[in-house]
């Protein structure tokens, strides 16, 4: 399981690195360009992932804060 995740992460890193750092220098008519999406997605995809991660973490922290009110704090409010 760990090897598979490592290989997937390595593939994703290499693919993204080639896509963002090497492909801009390759001619647009070259057939290898068909293996990669357009360049604007090189920014859109990481931004969407970061927004999703920030929203998930923020929601988790908010839920934990709401549920973690101690009985002592509730007694003091009354």
C-alpha atoms as a PDB file:
ATOM      1  CA  UNK A   1       0.000   0.000   0.000  1.00  0.00           C
ATOM      2  CA  UNK A   2       2.760   2.428   0.933  1.00  0.00           C
ATOM      3  CA  UNK A   3       4.713   1.657  -2.226  1.00  0.00           C
ATOM      4  CA  UNK A   4       1.669   2.349  -4.368  1.00  0.00           C
ATOM      5  CA  UNK A   5       1.041   5.722  -2.743  1.00  0.00           C
ATOM      6  CA  UNK A   6       4.718   6.602  -3.110  1.00  0.00           C
ATOM      7  CA  UNK A   7       4.709   5.656  -6.795  1.00  0.00           C
ATOM      8  CA  UNK A   8       1.503   7.622  -7.406  1.00  0.00           C
ATOM      9  CA  UNK A   9       2.939  10.713  -5.690  1.00  0.00           C
ATOM     10  CA  UNK A  10       6.190  10.378  -7.651  1.00  0.00           C
ATOM     11  CA  UNK A  11       4.301  10.057 -10.935  1.00  0.00           C
ATOM     12  CA  UNK A  12       2.100  13.069 -10.121  1.00  0.00           C
ATOM     13  CA  UNK A  13       5.152  15.162  -9.185  1.00  0.00           C
ATOM     14  CA  UNK A  14       7.055  14.228 -12.347  1.00  0.00           C
ATOM     15  CA  UNK A  15       4.009  14.762 -14.585  1.00  0.00           C
ATOM     16  CA  UNK A  16       3.286  18.197 -13.077  1.00  0.00           C
ATOM     17  CA  UNK A  17       6.951  19.201 -13.224  1.00  0.00           C
ATOM     18  CA  UNK A  18       7.262  18.241 -16.885  1.00  0.00           C
ATOM     19  CA  UNK A  19       3.941  19.930 -17.659  1.00  0.00           C
ATOM     20  CA  UNK A  20       4.840  23.247 -16.020  1.00  0.00           C
ATOM     21  CA  UNK A  21       8.591  23.517 -16.545  1.00  0.00           C
ATOM     22  CA  UNK A  22       9.395  21.706 -19.788  1.00  0.00           C
ATOM     23  CA  UNK A  23       6.278  21.772 -21.964  1.00  0.00           C
ATOM     24  CA  UNK A  24       6.230  25.566 -22.454  1.00  0.00           C
ATOM     25  CA  UNK A  25       9.471  25.156 -24.418  1.00  0.00           C
ATOM     26  CA  UNK A  26       8.119  22.394 -26.676  1.00  0.00           C
ATOM     27  CA  UNK A  27       6.517  23.391 -29.973  1.00  0.00           C
ATOM     28  CA  UNK A  28       2.716  23.556 -29.753  1.00  0.00           C
ATOM     29  CA  UNK A  29       2.325  21.318 -32.807  1.00  0.00           C
ATOM     30  CA  UNK A  30       4.427  18.507 -31.322  1.00  0.00           C
ATOM     31  CA  UNK A  31       2.390  15.324 -30.654  1.00  0.00           C
ATOM     32  CA  UNK A  32       3.585  15.122 -27.036  1.00  0.00           C
ATOM     33  CA  UNK A  33       1.515  18.244 -26.308  1.00  0.00           C
ATOM     34  CA  UNK A  34      -1.586  16.019 -26.563  1.00  0.00           C
ATOM     35  CA  UNK A  35      -0.562  14.243 -23.331  1.00  0.00           C
ATOM     36  CA  UNK A  36      -0.999  17.413 -21.272  1.00  0.00           C
ATOM     37  CA  UNK A  37      -3.968  19.739 -20.650  1.00  0.00           C
ATOM     38  CA  UNK A  38      -3.733  23.427 -21.489  1.00  0.00           C
ATOM     39  CA  UNK A  39      -1.356  25.496 -19.376  1.00  0.00           C
ATOM     40  CA  UNK A  40      -4.018  27.469 -17.510  1.00  0.00           C
ATOM     41  CA  UNK A  41      -5.016  24.246 -15.744  1.00  0.00           C
ATOM     42  CA  UNK A  42      -1.507  24.085 -14.270  1.00  0.00           C
ATOM     43  CA  UNK A  43      -2.642  26.909 -11.979  1.00  0.00           C
ATOM     44  CA  UNK A  44      -6.351  26.108 -11.665  1.00  0.00           C
ATOM     45  CA  UNK A  45      -5.946  22.534 -10.428  1.00  0.00           C
ATOM     46  CA  UNK A  46      -3.577  23.308  -7.499  1.00  0.00           C
ATOM     47  CA  UNK A  47      -5.701  26.318  -6.502  1.00  0.00           C
ATOM     48  CA  UNK A  48      -8.838  24.146  -6.431  1.00  0.00           C
ATOM     49  CA  UNK A  49      -7.031  21.511  -4.377  1.00  0.00           C
ATOM     50  CA  UNK A  50      -5.795  24.128  -1.905  1.00  0.00           C
ATOM     51  CA  UNK A  51      -9.269  25.662  -1.543  1.00  0.00           C
ATOM     52  CA  UNK A  52     -10.812  22.245  -0.992  1.00  0.00           C
ATOM     53  CA  UNK A  53      -8.157  21.338   1.587  1.00  0.00           C
ATOM     54  CA  UNK A  54      -8.499  24.679   3.411  1.00  0.00           C
ATOM     55  CA  UNK A  55     -12.285  24.317   3.494  1.00  0.00           C
ATOM     56  CA  UNK A  56     -12.068  20.764   4.793  1.00  0.00           C
ATOM     57  CA  UNK A  57      -9.547  21.656   7.495  1.00  0.00           C
ATOM     58  CA  UNK A  58     -11.511  24.760   8.480  1.00  0.00           C
ATOM     59  CA  UNK A  59     -14.735  22.767   8.718  1.00  0.00           C
ATOM     60  CA  UNK A  60     -13.039  20.103  10.823  1.00  0.00           C
ATOM     61  CA  UNK A  61     -11.571  22.680  13.209  1.00  0.00           C
ATOM     62  CA  UNK A  62     -14.939  24.437  13.472  1.00  0.00           C
ATOM     63  CA  UNK A  63     -16.778  21.192  14.252  1.00  0.00           C
ATOM     64  CA  UNK A  64     -14.188  20.238  16.870  1.00  0.00           C
ATOM     65  CA  UNK A  65     -14.443  23.677  18.498  1.00  0.00           C
ATOM     66  CA  UNK A  66     -18.241  23.511  18.648  1.00  0.00           C
ATOM     67  CA  UNK A  67     -18.273  20.007  20.092  1.00  0.00           C
ATOM     68  CA  UNK A  68     -15.476  20.589  22.593  1.00  0.00           C
ATOM     69  CA  UNK A  69     -17.322  22.901  24.944  1.00  0.00           C
ATOM     70  CA  UNK A  70     -16.589  21.572  28.388  1.00  0.00           C
ATOM     71  CA  UNK A  71     -19.408  20.957  30.896  1.00  0.00           C
ATOM     72  CA  UNK A  72     -17.714  23.446  33.239  1.00  0.00           C
ATOM     73  CA  UNK A  73     -17.969  26.234  30.651  1.00  0.00           C
ATOM     74  CA  UNK A  74     -21.632  25.399  30.083  1.00  0.00           C
ATOM     75  CA  UNK A  75     -22.351  25.575  33.846  1.00  0.00           C
ATOM     76  CA  UNK A  76     -20.638  28.964  34.101  1.00  0.00           C
ATOM     77  CA  UNK A  77     -22.820  30.384  31.315  1.00  0.00           C
ATOM     78  CA  UNK A  78     -26.037  29.573  33.192  1.00  0.00           C
END
